[in-house]
Amino acid sequence: MTNYMTKGQRIRIFSAIGDVFKKKDWLFHFLAPFYDHLIRRPQSDRIKDLLNLPPNGFLLDLAGGTGRVSFHFAGPNTNILVCDINRSMLKQVKHKKGLLPLQADSAQLPFPSDTFDGILLVDALHHFLKPQNAVSEMLRVLKPGGRLLIEEQDINRVFIKIVRISEKMVGLHSHFLTAKEMSALFHSSQYKLHFERGNCFTFRILVCKLS
């Protein structure tokens, strides 16, 4: 006897498949083993200079994925924690000496206030559903006198507009902020901001938390 799915069963199956592909985890799970080879090499020397970590300072690489950026800062006098929501990406961190992986949500960081000397957020803010929540958490765990460096893609560039469309097509939540919009997230007099261009497609904002 031949079995046929009812219309309701087909709808439920395709709905379930759609729910999976709407979540960005499936994509980063697939890309994790190859991610470091697919993504451009960071301007690590400049980023290191901007962060200006003290000896034996503590650095949080938030949404750091495989640790591809903070890996370049690892050494005997650094303490680097790579925090990401995706477990598959964090598995790659274990292969990089000097980095400690931790799975956590950027909007609810499991650290006391004033914990880190530096915080790094590269090419990730546009993935956050509520960027203001993540920013508030980063500022909370940043020590007075500490530095937060955010590097983002410049949505004013045509190529990045294409990237945004491509990311949305594969189910990623991608909302790119302009430099002005990002600066508005740091409206308190407690912070000093420095803006600069990265490469032709990126910009950086350095946030210094005043003592």
C-alpha atoms as a PDB file:
ATOM      1  CA  MET A   1       0.000   0.000   0.000  1.00  0.00           C
ATOM      2  CA  THR A   2       1.361   3.411  -0.971  1.00  0.00           C
ATOM      3  CA  ASN A   3       1.752   6.042   1.752  1.00  0.00           C
ATOM      4  CA  TYR A   4       1.234   9.695   0.883  1.00  0.00           C
ATOM      5  CA  MET A   5       1.823  12.605   3.204  1.00  0.00           C
ATOM      6  CA  THR A   6      -1.137  14.806   3.859  1.00  0.00           C
ATOM      7  CA  LYS A   7      -0.935  18.489   3.007  1.00  0.00           C
ATOM      8  CA  GLY A   8      -0.681  19.317   6.705  1.00  0.00           C
ATOM      9  CA  GLN A   9       2.268  16.949   7.163  1.00  0.00           C
ATOM     10  CA  ARG A  10       4.096  18.477   4.200  1.00  0.00           C
ATOM     11  CA  ILE A  11       3.548  21.971   5.560  1.00  0.00           C
ATOM     12  CA  ARG A  12       4.910  20.980   8.977  1.00  0.00           C
ATOM     13  CA  ILE A  13       8.013  19.373   7.463  1.00  0.00           C
ATOM     14  CA  PHE A  14       8.852  22.325   5.216  1.00  0.00           C
ATOM     15  CA  SER A  15       8.126  24.725   8.050  1.00  0.00           C
ATOM     16  CA  ALA A  16      10.572  22.842  10.286  1.00  0.00           C
ATOM     17  CA  ILE A  17      13.237  22.910   7.569  1.00  0.00           C
ATOM     18  CA  GLY A  18      12.658  26.631   7.111  1.00  0.00           C
ATOM     19  CA  ASP A  19      13.061  27.260  10.838  1.00  0.00           C
ATOM     20  CA  VAL A  20      16.456  25.544  10.787  1.00  0.00           C
ATOM     21  CA  PHE A  21      17.709  27.594   7.850  1.00  0.00           C
ATOM     22  CA  LYS A  22      16.475  30.821   9.392  1.00  0.00           C
ATOM     23  CA  LYS A  23      18.903  30.311  12.240  1.00  0.00           C
ATOM     24  CA  LYS A  24      22.446  31.475  11.601  1.00  0.00           C
ATOM     25  CA  ASP A  25      23.886  28.612  13.657  1.00  0.00           C
ATOM     26  CA  TRP A  26      23.585  26.146  10.801  1.00  0.00           C
ATOM     27  CA  LEU A  27      25.793  28.295   8.560  1.00  0.00           C
ATOM     28  CA  PHE A  28      28.532  28.935  11.113  1.00  0.00           C
ATOM     29  CA  HIS A  29      28.425  25.269  12.117  1.00  0.00           C
ATOM     30  CA  PHE A  30      29.184  24.360   8.507  1.00  0.00           C
ATOM     31  CA  LEU A  31      31.840  27.054   8.013  1.00  0.00           C
ATOM     32  CA  ALA A  32      33.688  26.581  11.309  1.00  0.00           C
ATOM     33  CA  PRO A  33      36.474  24.232  10.063  1.00  0.00           C
ATOM     34  CA  PHE A  34      37.241  26.504   7.090  1.00  0.00           C
ATOM     35  CA  TYR A  35      36.406  29.909   8.525  1.00  0.00           C
ATOM     36  CA  ASP A  36      39.952  31.163   9.110  1.00  0.00           C
ATOM     37  CA  HIS A  37      40.850  30.421   5.481  1.00  0.00           C
ATOM     38  CA  LEU A  38      37.747  32.064   4.018  1.00  0.00           C
ATOM     39  CA  ILE A  39      37.782  35.376   5.888  1.00  0.00           C
ATOM     40  CA  ARG A  40      40.294  38.152   5.291  1.00  0.00           C
ATOM     41  CA  ARG A  41      43.280  38.381   7.594  1.00  0.00           C
ATOM     42  CA  PRO A  42      42.743  41.083  10.242  1.00  0.00           C
ATOM     43  CA  GLN A  43      44.994  44.125  10.585  1.00  0.00           C
ATOM     44  CA  SER A  44      46.194  42.643  13.842  1.00  0.00           C
ATOM     45  CA  ASP A  45      49.122  44.999  14.476  1.00  0.00           C
ATOM     46  CA  ARG A  46      46.899  48.072  14.301  1.00  0.00           C
ATOM     47  CA  ILE A  47      44.201  46.472  16.444  1.00  0.00           C
ATOM     48  CA  LYS A  48      46.798  45.501  19.037  1.00  0.00           C
ATOM     49  CA  ASP A  49      48.138  49.067  19.146  1.00  0.00           C
ATOM     50  CA  LEU A  50      44.651  50.504  19.619  1.00  0.00           C
ATOM     51  CA  LEU A  51      43.752  48.114  22.438  1.00  0.00           C
ATOM     52  CA  ASN A  52      47.072  48.809  24.191  1.00  0.00           C
ATOM     53  CA  LEU A  53      46.596  46.056  26.765  1.00  0.00           C
ATOM     54  CA  PRO A  54      48.669  46.249  29.958  1.00  0.00           C
ATOM     55  CA  PRO A  55      51.036  43.363  30.816  1.00  0.00           C
ATOM     56  CA  ASN A  56      49.008  40.375  32.031  1.00  0.00           C
ATOM     57  CA  GLY A  57      45.850  42.219  31.011  1.00  0.00           C
ATOM     58  CA  PHE A  58      42.550  40.465  30.361  1.00  0.00           C
ATOM     59  CA  LEU A  59      41.043  40.619  26.862  1.00  0.00           C
ATOM     60  CA  LEU A  60      37.529  39.540  25.905  1.00  0.00           C
ATOM     61  CA  ASP A  61      37.136  38.622  22.235  1.00  0.00           C
ATOM     62  CA  LEU A  62      33.346  38.822  22.040  1.00  0.00           C
ATOM     63  CA  ALA A  63      31.588  36.937  19.242  1.00  0.00           C
ATOM     64  CA  GLY A  64      35.142  35.927  18.444  1.00  0.00           C
ATOM     65  CA  GLY A  65      34.186  32.740  16.618  1.00  0.00           C
ATOM     66  CA  THR A  66      37.333  30.736  15.944  1.00  0.00           C
ATOM     67  CA  GLY A  67      39.584  33.283  17.642  1.00  0.00           C
ATOM     68  CA  ARG A  68      41.050  34.263  14.271  1.00  0.00           C
ATOM     69  CA  VAL A  69      41.706  37.857  15.410  1.00  0.00           C
ATOM     70  CA  SER A  70      42.743  37.545  19.056  1.00  0.00           C
ATOM     71  CA  PHE A  71      45.023  34.603  18.233  1.00  0.00           C
ATOM     72  CA  HIS A  72      47.541  37.131  16.924  1.00  0.00           C
ATOM     73  CA  PHE A  73      47.778  38.731  20.384  1.00  0.00           C
ATOM     74  CA  ALA A  74      48.282  35.525  22.364  1.00  0.00           C
ATOM     75  CA  GLY A  75      51.464  35.274  24.396  1.00  0.00           C
ATOM     76  CA  PRO A  76      52.895  34.533  27.840  1.00  0.00           C
ATOM     77  CA  ASN A  77      51.722  37.898  29.207  1.00  0.00           C
ATOM     78  CA  THR A  78      48.150  37.853  27.894  1.00  0.00           C
ATOM     79  CA  ASN A  79      44.893  36.394  29.156  1.00  0.00           C
ATOM     80  CA  ILE A  80      42.445  36.047  26.272  1.00  0.00           C
ATOM     81  CA  LEU A  81      38.900  34.728  26.502  1.00  0.00           C
ATOM     82  CA  VAL A  82      37.057  34.022  23.247  1.00  0.00           C
ATOM     83  CA  CYS A  83      33.318  34.197  23.820  1.00  0.00           C
ATOM     84  CA  ASP A  84      30.791  33.082  21.199  1.00  0.00           C
ATOM     85  CA  ILE A  85      27.300  31.606  21.044  1.00  0.00           C
ATOM     86  CA  ASN A  86      28.253  28.982  18.438  1.00  0.00           C
ATOM     87  CA  ARG A  87      29.813  25.824  19.844  1.00  0.00           C
ATOM     88  CA  SER A  88      31.225  24.643  16.501  1.00  0.00           C
ATOM     89  CA  MET A  89      33.179  27.861  16.056  1.00  0.00           C
ATOM     90  CA  LEU A  90      34.535  27.617  19.592  1.00  0.00           C
ATOM     91  CA  LYS A  91      35.827  24.106  18.928  1.00  0.00           C
ATOM     92  CA  GLN A  92      38.365  25.683  16.585  1.00  0.00           C
ATOM     93  CA  VAL A  93      39.622  27.898  19.423  1.00  0.00           C
ATOM     94  CA  LYS A  94      40.924  24.819  21.224  1.00  0.00           C
ATOM     95  CA  HIS A  95      43.548  24.420  18.495  1.00  0.00           C
ATOM     96  CA  LYS A  96      44.962  27.900  19.148  1.00  0.00           C
ATOM     97  CA  LYS A  97      47.449  28.185  21.987  1.00  0.00           C
ATOM     98  CA  GLY A  98      46.825  30.957  24.482  1.00  0.00           C
ATOM     99  CA  LEU A  99      43.068  31.280  23.946  1.00  0.00           C
ATOM    100  CA  LEU A 100      40.311  30.128  26.278  1.00  0.00           C
ATOM    101  CA  PRO A 101      36.877  29.429  24.695  1.00  0.00           C
ATOM    102  CA  LEU A 102      33.566  30.111  26.413  1.00  0.00           C
ATOM    103  CA  GLN A 103      30.032  29.716  25.069  1.00  0.00           C
ATOM    104  CA  ALA A 104      27.839  32.606  26.205  1.00  0.00           C
ATOM    105  CA  ASP A 105      25.235  35.108  25.056  1.00  0.00           C
ATOM    106  CA  SER A 106      26.557  38.606  24.338  1.00  0.00           C
ATOM    107  CA  ALA A 107      23.442  40.146  25.886  1.00  0.00           C
ATOM    108  CA  GLN A 108      23.983  38.312  29.203  1.00  0.00           C
ATOM    109  CA  LEU A 109      27.702  38.029  29.835  1.00  0.00           C
ATOM    110  CA  PRO A 110      28.559  35.795  32.820  1.00  0.00           C
ATOM    111  CA  PHE A 111      31.201  38.112  34.283  1.00  0.00           C
ATOM    112  CA  PRO A 112      31.309  40.600  37.158  1.00  0.00           C
ATOM    113  CA  SER A 113      31.416  44.289  36.323  1.00  0.00           C
ATOM    114  CA  ASP A 114      34.842  45.836  35.616  1.00  0.00           C
ATOM    115  CA  THR A 115      36.509  42.544  34.627  1.00  0.00           C
ATOM    116  CA  PHE A 116      38.362  43.179  31.354  1.00  0.00           C
ATOM    117  CA  ASP A 117      41.140  45.568  30.360  1.00  0.00           C
ATOM    118  CA  GLY A 118      40.126  45.298  26.718  1.00  0.00           C
ATOM    119  CA  ILE A 119      37.204  44.041  24.663  1.00  0.00           C
ATOM    120  CA  LEU A 120      37.308  43.225  20.966  1.00  0.00           C
ATOM    121  CA  LEU A 121      34.294  42.925  18.651  1.00  0.00           C
ATOM    122  CA  VAL A 122      35.173  42.359  14.999  1.00  0.00           C
ATOM    123  CA  ASP A 123      32.663  41.927  12.172  1.00  0.00           C
ATOM    124  CA  ALA A 124      29.903  40.830  14.537  1.00  0.00           C
ATOM    125  CA  LEU A 125      27.755  43.710  15.770  1.00  0.00           C
ATOM    126  CA  HIS A 126      25.526  43.554  12.683  1.00  0.00           C
ATOM    127  CA  HIS A 127      24.482  40.013  13.676  1.00  0.00           C
ATOM    128  CA  PHE A 128      23.078  41.073  17.060  1.00  0.00           C
ATOM    129  CA  LEU A 129      19.300  41.376  17.283  1.00  0.00           C
ATOM    130  CA  LYS A 130      19.626  44.059  19.962  1.00  0.00           C
ATOM    131  CA  PRO A 131      23.040  45.733  19.599  1.00  0.00           C
ATOM    132  CA  GLN A 132      22.330  48.177  22.427  1.00  0.00           C
ATOM    133  CA  ASN A 133      22.003  45.273  24.886  1.00  0.00           C
ATOM    134  CA  ALA A 134      25.357  43.854  23.812  1.00  0.00           C
ATOM    135  CA  VAL A 135      26.998  47.277  24.029  1.00  0.00           C
ATOM    136  CA  SER A 136      25.621  47.799  27.538  1.00  0.00           C
ATOM    137  CA  GLU A 137      27.023  44.445  28.634  1.00  0.00           C
ATOM    138  CA  MET A 138      30.436  45.135  27.119  1.00  0.00           C
ATOM    139  CA  LEU A 139      30.650  48.489  28.870  1.00  0.00           C
ATOM    140  CA  ARG A 140      29.568  46.897  32.139  1.00  0.00           C
ATOM    141  CA  VAL A 141      32.364  44.302  32.138  1.00  0.00           C
ATOM    142  CA  LEU A 142      35.008  46.747  30.857  1.00  0.00           C
ATOM    143  CA  LYS A 143      37.278  48.157  33.556  1.00  0.00           C
ATOM    144  CA  PRO A 144      37.541  51.923  34.069  1.00  0.00           C
ATOM    145  CA  GLY A 145      40.439  52.976  31.869  1.00  0.00           C
ATOM    146  CA  GLY A 146      39.818  49.967  29.617  1.00  0.00           C
ATOM    147  CA  ARG A 147      39.285  50.009  25.859  1.00  0.00           C
ATOM    148  CA  LEU A 148      36.577  48.548  23.650  1.00  0.00           C
ATOM    149  CA  LEU A 149      37.374  48.201  19.949  1.00  0.00           C
ATOM    150  CA  ILE A 150      34.584  47.560  17.457  1.00  0.00           C
ATOM    151  CA  GLU A 151      35.333  46.909  13.793  1.00  0.00           C
ATOM    152  CA  GLU A 152      32.416  46.765  11.372  1.00  0.00           C
ATOM    153  CA  GLN A 153      31.788  46.655   7.652  1.00  0.00           C
ATOM    154  CA  ASP A 154      30.849  49.986   6.089  1.00  0.00           C
ATOM    155  CA  ILE A 155      27.290  49.743   4.783  1.00  0.00           C
ATOM    156  CA  ASN A 156      27.878  52.845   2.645  1.00  0.00           C
ATOM    157  CA  ARG A 157      30.060  50.720   0.350  1.00  0.00           C
ATOM    158  CA  VAL A 158      28.273  49.038  -2.559  1.00  0.00           C
ATOM    159  CA  PHE A 159      30.062  45.743  -1.961  1.00  0.00           C
ATOM    160  CA  ILE A 160      28.872  45.628   1.661  1.00  0.00           C
ATOM    161  CA  LYS A 161      25.304  46.291   0.530  1.00  0.00           C
ATOM    162  CA  ILE A 162      25.651  43.157  -1.603  1.00  0.00           C
ATOM    163  CA  VAL A 163      27.057  41.280   1.392  1.00  0.00           C
ATOM    164  CA  ARG A 164      24.028  42.317   3.451  1.00  0.00           C
ATOM    165  CA  ILE A 165      21.625  40.998   0.814  1.00  0.00           C
ATOM    166  CA  SER A 166      23.593  37.745   0.546  1.00  0.00           C
ATOM    167  CA  GLU A 167      23.580  37.213   4.308  1.00  0.00           C
ATOM    168  CA  LYS A 168      19.841  37.766   4.506  1.00  0.00           C
ATOM    169  CA  MET A 169      19.301  35.261   1.701  1.00  0.00           C
ATOM    170  CA  VAL A 170      20.924  32.526   3.794  1.00  0.00           C
ATOM    171  CA  GLY A 171      18.889  33.429   6.864  1.00  0.00           C
ATOM    172  CA  LEU A 172      21.295  35.661   8.772  1.00  0.00           C
ATOM    173  CA  HIS A 173      20.041  38.642  10.712  1.00  0.00           C
ATOM    174  CA  SER A 174      22.270  41.369   9.323  1.00  0.00           C
ATOM    175  CA  HIS A 175      21.601  44.961  10.312  1.00  0.00           C
ATOM    176  CA  PHE A 176      24.628  47.107   9.585  1.00  0.00           C
ATOM    177  CA  LEU A 177      24.960  50.378  11.478  1.00  0.00           C
ATOM    178  CA  THR A 178      26.687  53.414  10.056  1.00  0.00           C
ATOM    179  CA  ALA A 179      29.536  54.952  12.030  1.00  0.00           C
ATOM    180  CA  LYS A 180      27.197  57.730  13.164  1.00  0.00           C
ATOM    181  CA  GLU A 181      24.545  55.250  14.320  1.00  0.00           C
ATOM    182  CA  MET A 182      27.147  53.229  16.178  1.00  0.00           C
ATOM    183  CA  SER A 183      28.573  56.308  17.875  1.00  0.00           C
ATOM    184  CA  ALA A 184      25.080  57.099  19.156  1.00  0.00           C
ATOM    185  CA  LEU A 185      25.192  53.884  21.211  1.00  0.00           C
ATOM    186  CA  PHE A 186      27.840  55.548  23.400  1.00  0.00           C
ATOM    187  CA  HIS A 187      26.067  58.728  24.424  1.00  0.00           C
ATOM    188  CA  SER A 188      27.409  58.970  27.974  1.00  0.00           C
ATOM    189  CA  SER A 189      30.170  61.372  28.997  1.00  0.00           C
ATOM    190  CA  GLN A 190      31.856  58.369  30.644  1.00  0.00           C
ATOM    191  CA  TYR A 191      33.332  57.343  27.296  1.00  0.00           C
ATOM    192  CA  LYS A 192      35.792  58.857  24.849  1.00  0.00           C
ATOM    193  CA  LEU A 193      35.421  57.819  21.200  1.00  0.00           C
ATOM    194  CA  HIS A 194      37.975  57.563  18.410  1.00  0.00           C
ATOM    195  CA  PHE A 195      36.940  56.790  14.830  1.00  0.00           C
ATOM    196  CA  GLU A 196      39.143  55.549  11.997  1.00  0.00           C
ATOM    197  CA  ARG A 197      38.921  53.638   8.755  1.00  0.00           C
ATOM    198  CA  GLY A 198      40.110  50.045   8.594  1.00  0.00           C
ATOM    199  CA  ASN A 199      40.498  48.844   5.029  1.00  0.00           C
ATOM    200  CA  CYS A 200      38.377  50.169   2.159  1.00  0.00           C
ATOM    201  CA  PHE A 201      35.335  48.220   3.414  1.00  0.00           C
ATOM    202  CA  THR A 202      35.558  48.638   7.195  1.00  0.00           C
ATOM    203  CA  PHE A 203      35.718  51.218   9.961  1.00  0.00           C
ATOM    204  CA  ARG A 204      36.657  51.074  13.641  1.00  0.00           C
ATOM    205  CA  ILE A 205      35.399  52.776  16.757  1.00  0.00           C
ATOM    206  CA  LEU A 206      37.628  52.766  19.825  1.00  0.00           C
ATOM    207  CA  VAL A 207      35.737  53.390  23.051  1.00  0.00           C
ATOM    208  CA  CYS A 208      37.771  54.405  26.097  1.00  0.00           C
ATOM    209  CA  LYS A 209      35.985  54.034  29.428  1.00  0.00           C
ATOM    210  CA  LEU A 210      37.106  56.954  31.538  1.00  0.00           C
ATOM    211  CA  SER A 211      38.397  56.261  35.036  1.00  0.00           C
END
